[in-house]
Amino acid sequence: MKRLFVHHPLFRLLTPLFSGSLVYLLILLINNTISDLRENFFGQELYVCIGLAYLIQELARLSLVVFRKLKHPKSFLARLILQVFAMLLVTVVMVSFSMYLYFSKVLLYAPNQTELLIFNSIFCVISMIYVLLYISHQFLYKTNSEKLRKEEWAKLKTEEDFINFKQDINPTLLFESLEGIMVVMKRDPELAEELTDNFASIYRYLLSNKKTEVVPLEKELEVLEEFLRIQHFLAYTKIVLAPTQISNTWIVPGTLLTLSEEIMRTTIPSKKNEITLELIEDKDIFKIKYKHQEKLSKSLQINSLKRLINHYRYYSKVPLKISHEDEFKIVEFPKLQVL
């Protein structure tokens, strides 16, 4: 679509045959009657018109290439006016020179002003047709490109919405929690009912805050406690939250839940060991510190927290990052303040 069809070899080869014949036909109709066309149509003047059509169309095509590469003027209208003026000037000069050369060398007399006017007018129209083709192609390309960008943006938005919806639902955690509750239900129905309430609270929190930008940290900690109760009955290493004193602050909803789940899934499963999460408050950041026992095939990486990174990027210049300290792993995320 970006390449204009006037540059195609077949178009460059065949079009001048028709345009040159049309020019010659128009000149015959101006200077003769319709009855004289049969006698005068096939002559050397026809080949002169076709040759001149080749020359003018190649010059017009060359001007399109030259003006497309020009950086000045930057205004499309100013460049278009300059291009039209240059093409008309070159067309008039080339047609006049060719006609003088043909008439003086072949016909042995100089052309009059009327004949020059006719030839120049017709070939200037051909040059303008090239300009119109170029302008229409540029606008069509711009319109189609804009439509393609909108379609691509809509596609990316749909994919992003689907990924966000999938992450909000979290089907893996959903089915694992239900399976854990079913196992507990067989030996302790009351405990299973309590776990069901915890499970419902977690998903109620996630779904109700899907469009909420920030939530109090205390509320997130309450939901985290319910998540950890359910997590104790899953086939993962148990995670506990160390007691801590935290000031009133805000975070992106699901931050602690996402980090805890990632830590749970990247830790080697063990029934005897447990992981203690320490939530440490610093000046501008929070730190989650724990003694890691990560799987060989999967570890907690910053790439697995892209969603949180994108959310925090809107509210703080402090980046979310993961670091190592001896046998501990530390996840840092910024503190948010609501003014």
Protein backbone atom coordinates (compact mmCIF):
# COMPACT_ATOMS: atom_id res chain seq x y z
CA MET A 1 0.00 0.00 0.00
CA LYS A 2 2.92 2.37 0.74
CA ARG A 3 4.35 2.07 -2.80
CA LEU A 4 2.43 4.09 -5.39
CA PHE A 5 1.35 2.07 -8.43
CA VAL A 6 2.78 4.64 -10.88
CA HIS A 7 6.22 3.20 -10.08
CA HIS A 8 5.24 -0.26 -11.30
CA PRO A 9 7.16 -1.22 -14.49
CA LEU A 10 4.02 -2.31 -16.38
CA PHE A 11 2.26 0.95 -15.56
CA ARG A 12 5.27 2.95 -16.70
CA LEU A 13 5.47 0.92 -19.92
CA LEU A 14 1.82 0.79 -20.98
CA THR A 15 0.29 4.05 -19.73
CA PRO A 16 2.21 6.39 -22.06
CA LEU A 17 0.90 4.37 -25.05
CA PHE A 18 -2.67 5.26 -24.11
CA SER A 19 -2.00 8.80 -22.87
CA GLY A 20 0.13 9.63 -25.94
CA SER A 21 -2.56 8.24 -28.27
CA LEU A 22 -5.19 10.25 -26.38
CA VAL A 23 -3.13 13.43 -26.73
CA TYR A 24 -2.75 12.86 -30.45
CA LEU A 25 -6.46 12.13 -30.78
CA LEU A 26 -7.39 15.35 -28.99
CA ILE A 27 -5.05 17.36 -31.20
CA LEU A 28 -6.55 15.83 -34.34
CA LEU A 29 -10.07 16.62 -33.13
CA ILE A 30 -9.04 20.20 -32.45
CA ASN A 31 -7.35 20.73 -35.81
CA ASN A 32 -9.41 18.41 -38.03
CA THR A 33 -12.84 16.90 -38.36
CA ILE A 34 -13.97 13.43 -37.28
CA SER A 35 -13.97 12.25 -40.91
CA ASP A 36 -10.23 13.02 -41.19
CA LEU A 37 -9.27 10.78 -38.24
CA ARG A 38 -9.08 7.59 -40.34
CA GLU A 39 -6.66 9.18 -42.81
CA ASN A 40 -4.45 11.04 -40.33
CA PHE A 41 -4.46 8.91 -37.17
CA PHE A 42 -1.53 6.60 -37.86
CA GLY A 43 1.39 8.87 -38.62
CA GLN A 44 4.72 9.96 -37.23
CA GLU A 45 2.99 12.59 -35.07
CA LEU A 46 1.38 9.73 -33.09
CA TYR A 47 4.79 8.30 -32.23
CA VAL A 48 6.04 11.75 -31.30
CA CYS A 49 3.12 12.17 -28.88
CA ILE A 50 3.72 8.72 -27.37
CA GLY A 51 7.43 9.45 -26.96
CA LEU A 52 6.66 12.81 -25.38
CA ALA A 53 4.16 11.10 -23.07
CA TYR A 54 6.90 8.71 -21.92
CA LEU A 55 9.21 11.64 -21.23
CA ILE A 56 6.64 13.73 -19.33
CA GLN A 57 5.36 10.81 -17.23
CA GLU A 58 8.89 9.76 -16.26
CA LEU A 59 9.69 13.34 -15.27
CA ALA A 60 6.45 13.51 -13.27
CA ARG A 61 7.27 10.20 -11.58
CA LEU A 62 10.79 11.40 -10.80
CA SER A 63 9.40 14.58 -9.25
CA LEU A 64 7.20 12.50 -6.93
CA VAL A 65 10.28 10.65 -5.70
CA VAL A 66 12.32 13.84 -5.26
CA PHE A 67 9.64 15.82 -3.41
CA ARG A 68 8.84 12.86 -1.14
CA LYS A 69 12.46 12.88 0.10
CA LEU A 70 12.64 16.64 0.61
CA LYS A 71 12.69 17.72 4.26
CA HIS A 72 11.78 21.33 3.53
CA PRO A 73 9.27 22.81 3.46
CA LYS A 74 7.70 20.74 6.24
CA SER A 75 4.16 21.95 5.52
CA PHE A 76 2.29 19.53 3.26
CA LEU A 77 0.40 22.38 1.55
CA ALA A 78 3.55 24.41 0.88
CA ARG A 79 5.32 21.35 -0.49
CA LEU A 80 2.32 20.53 -2.69
CA ILE A 81 2.22 24.06 -4.15
CA LEU A 82 5.96 23.94 -4.83
CA GLN A 83 5.63 20.52 -6.43
CA VAL A 84 2.76 21.62 -8.72
CA PHE A 85 4.63 24.74 -9.79
CA ALA A 86 7.85 22.80 -10.48
CA MET A 87 6.06 20.08 -12.47
CA LEU A 88 4.17 22.60 -14.59
CA LEU A 89 7.35 24.56 -15.27
CA VAL A 90 9.34 21.46 -16.24
CA THR A 91 6.46 20.17 -18.39
CA VAL A 92 6.13 23.44 -20.30
CA VAL A 93 9.90 23.67 -20.86
CA MET A 94 10.23 20.05 -22.04
CA VAL A 95 7.13 20.12 -24.28
CA SER A 96 8.09 23.46 -25.85
CA PHE A 97 11.68 22.34 -26.45
CA SER A 98 10.54 18.99 -27.93
CA MET A 99 7.99 20.66 -30.20
CA TYR A 100 10.50 23.23 -31.45
CA LEU A 101 12.99 20.45 -32.10
CA TYR A 102 10.45 18.26 -33.95
CA PHE A 103 8.94 21.05 -36.01
CA SER A 104 12.28 22.61 -36.97
CA LYS A 105 14.18 19.35 -37.70
CA VAL A 106 11.40 17.20 -39.18
CA LEU A 107 8.64 19.48 -40.44
CA LEU A 108 11.12 22.26 -41.27
CA TYR A 109 9.08 25.13 -39.83
CA ALA A 110 8.62 26.68 -36.40
CA PRO A 111 5.44 25.93 -34.39
CA ASN A 112 3.03 28.76 -33.74
CA GLN A 113 1.76 29.87 -30.34
CA THR A 114 -1.56 28.04 -30.73
CA GLU A 115 0.07 24.68 -31.34
CA LEU A 116 2.41 25.14 -28.40
CA LEU A 117 -0.53 26.15 -26.20
CA ILE A 118 -2.46 23.02 -27.16
CA PHE A 119 0.45 20.65 -26.53
CA ASN A 120 1.45 22.32 -23.27
CA SER A 121 -2.13 22.39 -21.96
CA ILE A 122 -2.74 18.70 -22.60
CA PHE A 123 0.58 17.51 -21.19
CA CYS A 124 0.21 19.79 -18.15
CA VAL A 125 -3.10 18.04 -17.46
CA ILE A 126 -1.25 14.69 -17.57
CA SER A 127 1.30 16.01 -15.06
CA MET A 128 -1.50 17.21 -12.77
CA ILE A 129 -3.10 13.76 -12.93
CA TYR A 130 0.12 12.37 -11.48
CA VAL A 131 -0.04 14.93 -8.67
CA LEU A 132 -3.67 14.01 -7.95
CA LEU A 133 -2.74 10.30 -7.91
CA TYR A 134 0.03 11.06 -5.42
CA ILE A 135 -2.22 13.16 -3.16
CA SER A 136 -5.06 10.63 -3.20
CA HIS A 137 -2.59 7.82 -2.46
CA GLN A 138 -1.09 9.73 0.46
CA PHE A 139 -4.50 10.46 2.02
CA LEU A 140 -5.68 6.90 1.42
CA TYR A 141 -2.51 5.51 3.01
CA LYS A 142 -2.90 7.87 5.98
CA THR A 143 -6.55 6.88 6.45
CA ASN A 144 -5.84 3.16 6.19
CA SER A 145 -2.83 3.44 8.51
CA GLU A 146 -4.98 5.21 11.08
CA LYS A 147 -7.61 2.46 10.83
CA LEU A 148 -4.93 -0.22 11.20
CA ARG A 149 -3.51 1.53 14.26
CA LYS A 150 -6.97 1.71 15.82
CA GLU A 151 -7.60 -1.97 15.08
CA GLU A 152 -4.21 -2.90 16.52
CA TRP A 153 -4.89 -0.79 19.61
CA ALA A 154 -8.33 -2.40 19.99
CA LYS A 155 -6.75 -5.85 19.65
CA LEU A 156 -4.10 -5.09 22.28
CA LYS A 157 -6.75 -3.59 24.57
CA THR A 158 -8.91 -6.70 24.22
CA GLU A 159 -5.95 -8.97 24.93
CA GLU A 160 -4.98 -6.84 27.93
CA ASP A 161 -8.54 -6.91 29.26
CA PHE A 162 -8.64 -10.68 28.85
CA ILE A 163 -5.31 -11.09 30.67
CA ASN A 164 -6.48 -8.80 33.46
CA PHE A 165 -9.76 -10.71 33.73
CA LYS A 166 -7.87 -14.00 33.86
CA GLN A 167 -5.56 -12.65 36.54
CA ASP A 168 -8.50 -11.32 38.53
CA ILE A 169 -10.23 -14.69 38.41
CA ASN A 170 -6.94 -16.61 38.85
CA PRO A 171 -8.35 -20.00 37.74
CA THR A 172 -5.33 -21.96 39.03
CA LEU A 173 -5.78 -20.67 42.57
CA LEU A 174 -9.55 -21.04 42.26
CA PHE A 175 -9.45 -24.77 41.46
CA GLU A 176 -6.63 -25.52 43.89
CA SER A 177 -8.56 -23.84 46.71
CA LEU A 178 -11.76 -25.71 45.86
CA GLU A 179 -9.87 -28.99 45.74
CA GLY A 180 -8.28 -28.26 49.13
CA ILE A 181 -11.68 -27.43 50.62
CA MET A 182 -13.12 -30.69 49.22
CA VAL A 183 -10.36 -32.69 50.91
CA VAL A 184 -10.94 -30.95 54.25
CA MET A 185 -14.70 -31.36 53.93
CA LYS A 186 -14.47 -35.14 54.23
CA ARG A 187 -12.80 -35.06 57.65
CA ASP A 188 -13.89 -31.72 59.14
CA PRO A 189 -17.03 -30.09 57.63
CA GLU A 190 -16.94 -27.14 60.04
CA LEU A 191 -13.36 -26.30 59.09
CA ALA A 192 -14.29 -26.65 55.41
CA GLU A 193 -17.13 -24.17 55.93
CA GLU A 194 -14.70 -21.74 57.58
CA LEU A 195 -12.26 -22.13 54.68
CA THR A 196 -15.11 -21.53 52.24
CA ASP A 197 -15.85 -18.24 53.99
CA ASN A 198 -12.18 -17.28 53.73
CA PHE A 199 -12.14 -18.26 50.07
CA ALA A 200 -15.28 -16.20 49.39
CA SER A 201 -13.80 -13.19 51.19
CA ILE A 202 -10.66 -13.32 49.03
CA TYR A 203 -12.56 -13.39 45.74
CA ARG A 204 -15.06 -10.83 46.95
CA TYR A 205 -12.14 -8.54 47.72
CA LEU A 206 -10.45 -9.16 44.36
CA LEU A 207 -13.60 -8.68 42.28
CA SER A 208 -14.95 -5.69 44.22
CA ASN A 209 -11.62 -3.85 43.94
CA LYS A 210 -11.06 -4.67 40.28
CA LYS A 211 -11.60 -1.02 39.34
CA THR A 212 -10.26 0.43 42.58
CA GLU A 213 -6.90 2.16 42.20
CA VAL A 214 -5.56 1.94 45.76
CA VAL A 215 -6.70 0.41 49.05
CA PRO A 216 -5.55 0.77 52.68
CA LEU A 217 -2.72 -1.55 53.62
CA GLU A 218 -4.65 -2.79 56.66
CA LYS A 219 -7.44 -4.09 54.44
CA GLU A 220 -4.95 -5.92 52.23
CA LEU A 221 -3.35 -7.51 55.31
CA GLU A 222 -6.73 -8.82 56.49
CA VAL A 223 -7.34 -10.52 53.15
CA LEU A 224 -3.78 -11.85 53.15
CA GLU A 225 -4.42 -13.55 56.49
CA GLU A 226 -7.45 -15.32 54.98
CA PHE A 227 -5.39 -16.37 51.97
CA LEU A 228 -2.70 -17.85 54.21
CA ARG A 229 -5.32 -19.87 56.11
CA ILE A 230 -6.40 -21.53 52.87
CA GLN A 231 -2.81 -21.88 51.68
CA HIS A 232 -1.99 -24.09 54.67
CA PHE A 233 -4.25 -26.78 53.21
CA LEU A 234 -2.72 -26.69 49.73
CA ALA A 235 0.20 -28.78 48.48
CA TYR A 236 2.77 -26.06 49.05
CA THR A 237 5.18 -25.00 51.76
CA LYS A 238 3.29 -23.16 54.48
CA ILE A 239 3.67 -19.39 54.60
CA VAL A 240 3.19 -17.32 57.75
CA LEU A 241 3.21 -13.56 58.19
CA ALA A 242 5.45 -12.23 60.93
CA PRO A 243 3.79 -9.75 63.35
CA THR A 244 4.50 -6.19 62.33
CA GLN A 245 3.48 -2.62 63.03
CA ILE A 246 2.59 -0.65 59.91
CA SER A 247 1.55 3.00 59.63
CA ASN A 248 -1.58 4.06 57.79
CA THR A 249 -0.71 3.92 54.09
CA TRP A 250 -2.10 2.69 50.77
CA ILE A 251 -1.11 0.11 48.18
CA VAL A 252 -2.40 -1.23 44.86
CA PRO A 253 -5.09 -3.88 45.57
CA GLY A 254 -3.80 -7.43 45.29
CA THR A 255 -0.14 -6.53 45.87
CA LEU A 256 0.46 -8.73 48.91
CA LEU A 257 -1.77 -11.49 47.55
CA THR A 258 0.14 -11.61 44.26
CA LEU A 259 3.55 -11.58 45.96
CA SER A 260 2.51 -14.29 48.44
CA GLU A 261 1.16 -16.51 45.67
CA GLU A 262 4.33 -16.07 43.59
CA ILE A 263 6.48 -16.93 46.60
CA MET A 264 4.28 -19.96 47.29
CA ARG A 265 4.56 -21.28 43.73
CA THR A 266 8.32 -20.73 43.42
CA THR A 267 9.21 -22.42 46.74
CA ILE A 268 10.08 -26.12 46.96
CA PRO A 269 7.06 -27.91 48.55
CA SER A 270 7.74 -29.20 52.07
CA LYS A 271 5.43 -30.38 54.87
CA LYS A 272 8.01 -29.76 57.62
CA ASN A 273 9.40 -26.36 56.69
CA GLU A 274 7.57 -23.05 56.54
CA ILE A 275 8.34 -19.60 55.15
CA THR A 276 8.01 -16.49 57.29
CA LEU A 277 7.24 -13.27 55.48
CA GLU A 278 8.48 -10.10 57.14
CA LEU A 279 6.79 -6.88 56.08
CA ILE A 280 9.28 -4.10 56.75
CA GLU A 281 8.39 -0.42 56.44
CA ASP A 282 11.06 1.98 55.24
CA LYS A 283 10.96 5.67 54.41
CA ASP A 284 9.40 5.46 50.92
CA ILE A 285 9.07 1.73 50.42
CA PHE A 286 7.85 -1.53 51.89
CA LYS A 287 10.00 -4.64 51.91
CA ILE A 288 8.86 -8.25 51.98
CA LYS A 289 11.78 -10.30 53.28
CA TYR A 290 11.86 -14.09 53.46
CA LYS A 291 14.33 -16.97 53.50
CA HIS A 292 13.93 -18.47 50.07
CA GLN A 293 14.06 -22.15 49.09
CA GLU A 294 13.27 -21.77 45.42
CA LYS A 295 12.66 -24.45 42.86
CA LEU A 296 15.34 -25.21 40.30
CA SER A 297 12.91 -24.77 37.42
CA LYS A 298 11.17 -21.62 38.65
CA SER A 299 12.20 -18.65 40.75
CA LEU A 300 10.69 -15.33 41.69
CA GLN A 301 11.70 -12.89 38.94
CA ILE A 302 10.77 -9.30 38.25
CA ASN A 303 9.20 -10.39 34.94
CA SER A 304 6.53 -12.33 36.83
CA LEU A 305 5.36 -9.09 38.47
CA LYS A 306 4.74 -7.06 35.32
CA ARG A 307 1.15 -6.28 36.24
CA LEU A 308 2.16 -4.78 39.60
CA ILE A 309 5.02 -2.89 37.95
CA ASN A 310 2.62 -1.31 35.45
CA HIS A 311 0.20 -0.30 38.22
CA TYR A 312 2.83 1.23 40.50
CA ARG A 313 4.41 3.09 37.60
CA TYR A 314 1.34 5.37 37.51
CA TYR A 315 1.55 6.34 41.18
CA SER A 316 5.22 6.43 42.08
CA LYS A 317 8.66 6.95 40.58
CA VAL A 318 10.09 4.38 42.98
CA PRO A 319 10.45 1.11 41.03
CA LEU A 320 9.33 -2.29 42.21
CA LYS A 321 12.38 -4.51 42.45
CA ILE A 322 13.71 -7.82 43.76
CA SER A 323 17.08 -8.20 45.47
CA HIS A 324 19.13 -10.84 47.33
CA GLU A 325 20.75 -10.56 50.72
CA ASP A 326 22.69 -13.66 51.77
CA GLU A 327 20.04 -16.39 52.08
CA PHE A 328 17.15 -13.93 52.04
CA LYS A 329 15.17 -12.56 49.15
CA ILE A 330 13.69 -9.07 49.34
CA VAL A 331 10.85 -7.62 47.29
CA GLU A 332 10.54 -3.84 47.44
CA PHE A 333 7.47 -1.83 46.41
CA PRO A 334 6.67 1.87 46.97
CA LYS A 335 4.45 3.37 49.65
CA LEU A 336 1.48 5.33 48.31
CA GLN A 337 -0.09 8.33 49.94
CA VAL A 338 -3.60 9.62 49.16
CA LEU A 339 -3.82 13.40 49.38
